[in-house]
Protein backbone atom coordinates (compact mmCIF):
# COMPACT_ATOMS: atom_id res chain seq x y z
CA MET A 1 153.13 122.89 119.39
CA ALA A 2 149.71 122.16 120.93
CA ALA A 3 148.23 121.58 117.47
CA LEU A 4 151.01 119.12 116.64
CA LEU A 5 150.49 117.17 119.88
CA ASN A 6 146.74 117.14 119.30
CA ALA A 7 147.21 115.82 115.74
CA CYS A 8 149.42 112.97 117.03
CA ASN A 9 146.90 112.15 119.74
CA THR A 10 144.02 112.17 117.27
CA SER A 11 145.69 109.76 114.86
CA ARG A 12 146.27 107.22 117.64
CA ASN A 13 142.64 107.31 118.72
CA HIS A 14 140.98 106.65 115.39
CA THR A 15 140.52 103.53 113.35
CA ASP A 16 142.94 102.98 110.49
CA PRO A 17 140.46 103.18 107.59
CA ALA A 18 142.73 101.15 105.30
CA LEU A 19 142.91 98.26 107.78
CA GLU A 20 139.19 98.32 108.53
CA THR A 21 138.31 98.51 104.82
CA SER A 22 140.67 95.61 104.10
CA ILE A 23 139.04 93.27 106.62
CA THR A 24 135.37 94.25 106.22
CA GLY A 25 132.82 92.17 104.33
CA ILE A 26 135.10 89.16 103.92
CA ASN A 27 134.65 85.71 105.40
CA TRP A 28 137.95 85.17 107.22
CA TYR A 29 138.27 81.41 107.68
CA LEU A 30 140.00 80.17 110.80
CA SER A 31 143.18 78.30 109.87
CA LYS A 32 145.01 78.00 113.21
CA ILE A 33 144.38 78.44 116.92
CA TYR A 34 147.51 79.13 118.96
CA LEU A 35 147.25 77.73 122.49
CA PRO A 36 149.81 77.73 125.32
CA SER A 37 150.08 73.93 125.31
CA SER A 38 149.74 73.22 121.58
CA ASN A 39 148.44 74.69 118.33
CA MET A 40 145.28 73.57 116.55
CA ASP A 41 145.45 73.46 112.76
CA ILE A 42 141.94 73.84 111.34
CA SER A 43 141.26 71.65 108.33
CA ASN A 44 137.53 72.35 107.94
CA ARG A 45 136.36 75.66 106.53
CA LYS A 46 133.28 76.02 108.71
CA SER A 47 134.80 78.41 111.26
CA PHE A 48 134.96 82.02 110.13
CA ILE A 49 134.58 85.62 111.24
CA LYS A 50 133.17 88.52 109.21
CA PHE A 51 133.56 92.20 110.16
CA ASP A 52 130.91 94.88 109.54
CA ALA A 53 132.58 98.30 109.82
CA GLU A 54 129.32 100.26 109.67
CA LYS A 55 127.83 98.48 112.68
CA HIS A 56 131.19 97.76 114.39
CA SER A 57 130.06 94.16 114.71
CA THR A 58 131.30 90.72 113.81
CA GLY A 59 129.52 87.51 113.04
CA GLY A 60 130.43 84.07 111.90
CA ASN A 61 130.54 80.44 112.78
CA GLY A 62 132.65 78.54 115.27
CA GLY A 63 132.36 75.22 113.45
CA CYS A 64 128.99 74.32 114.94
CA ASN A 65 127.40 77.46 116.37
CA SER A 66 126.81 80.89 114.92
CA PHE A 67 128.32 83.77 116.92
CA GLY A 68 128.47 87.53 117.00
CA SER A 69 129.96 90.43 118.92
CA SER A 70 130.65 94.10 118.75
CA TYR A 71 134.19 95.34 118.27
CA SER A 72 136.19 98.51 118.54
CA LEU A 73 139.28 99.18 116.45
CA LYS A 74 141.77 101.98 117.01
CA GLY A 75 144.88 101.66 114.88
CA ASN A 76 145.72 97.99 115.29
CA VAL A 77 144.23 97.75 118.80
CA ILE A 78 141.04 95.70 118.77
CA ALA A 79 138.55 94.68 121.43
CA PHE A 80 135.67 92.26 121.05
CA LYS A 81 132.75 92.86 123.39
CA GLY A 82 129.68 90.80 124.14
CA VAL A 83 130.69 87.64 122.28
CA PHE A 84 127.59 85.45 122.08
CA SER A 85 126.70 82.24 120.27
CA THR A 86 123.99 79.71 119.79
CA LYS A 87 124.38 76.80 122.21
CA MET A 88 124.26 73.54 120.27
CA TYR A 89 126.75 70.87 121.35
CA CYS A 90 128.69 69.32 118.50
CA GLU A 91 131.10 66.57 119.55
CA GLU A 92 133.20 66.92 116.40
CA PHE A 93 133.85 70.68 116.74
CA GLN A 94 133.26 71.53 120.41
CA LYS A 95 136.90 71.65 121.59
CA GLN A 96 137.91 73.76 118.59
CA GLU A 97 134.93 76.09 118.92
CA ASP A 98 135.45 76.63 122.65
CA ALA A 99 139.12 77.51 122.03
CA PHE A 100 138.19 79.84 119.14
CA PHE A 101 135.68 81.83 121.20
CA LYS A 102 137.99 82.01 124.23
CA GLN A 103 140.90 83.30 122.14
CA LEU A 104 138.64 85.80 120.37
CA GLU A 105 137.65 87.34 123.70
CA LEU A 106 141.34 87.67 124.69
CA ALA A 107 142.43 89.42 121.48
CA ASP A 108 143.72 92.98 121.80
CA LYS A 109 145.67 93.48 118.56
CA ILE A 110 144.98 92.78 114.89
CA GLU A 111 147.32 92.49 111.92
CA LEU A 112 146.78 91.89 108.21
CA LYS A 113 149.90 90.36 106.67
CA ASP A 114 150.42 88.37 103.45
CA SER A 115 146.65 87.93 102.91
CA LYS A 116 146.27 86.47 106.41
CA LEU A 117 144.53 88.03 109.38
CA TYR A 118 146.09 87.57 112.82
CA LEU A 119 144.63 88.30 116.23
CA TYR A 120 147.05 88.74 119.14
CA ARG A 121 147.12 89.19 122.89
CA SER A 122 150.05 91.56 123.36
CA GLU A 123 152.73 89.99 121.13
CA ALA A 124 151.41 86.40 121.21
CA VAL A 125 149.42 85.20 118.19
CA LEU A 126 146.05 83.75 119.23
CA LEU A 127 144.20 83.15 115.96
CA GLU A 128 145.12 83.01 112.27
CA PHE A 129 142.62 83.44 109.42
CA VAL A 130 142.72 83.17 105.63
CA LYS A 131 140.36 84.56 102.97
């Protein structure tokens, strides 16, 4: 019985290799930001995130500035830590970029569905990406 409980515990505490392999090394382009007041559809393809499973890091572009962070992934539970970016101000993209980075820091769940990547906070979708 103890071995069975330990096996269940172990599977919950490790990254799903299929999910991590599926998202790694791909530029995931931001297509929508879900906000409490309204949603932002993203028409440009400048904003993206790319996962590096070996280093447990992400990098990308917010539309104007480059950014990076570390991440941890256990099952479909994700946490982004130490999100940083360059600090140029770009009138055209600033509102979108600020919302993107804020939502990224709030994310606690990830899902890959129908060739789209979703980041959630609990059950609420925060960000949607396409390949």
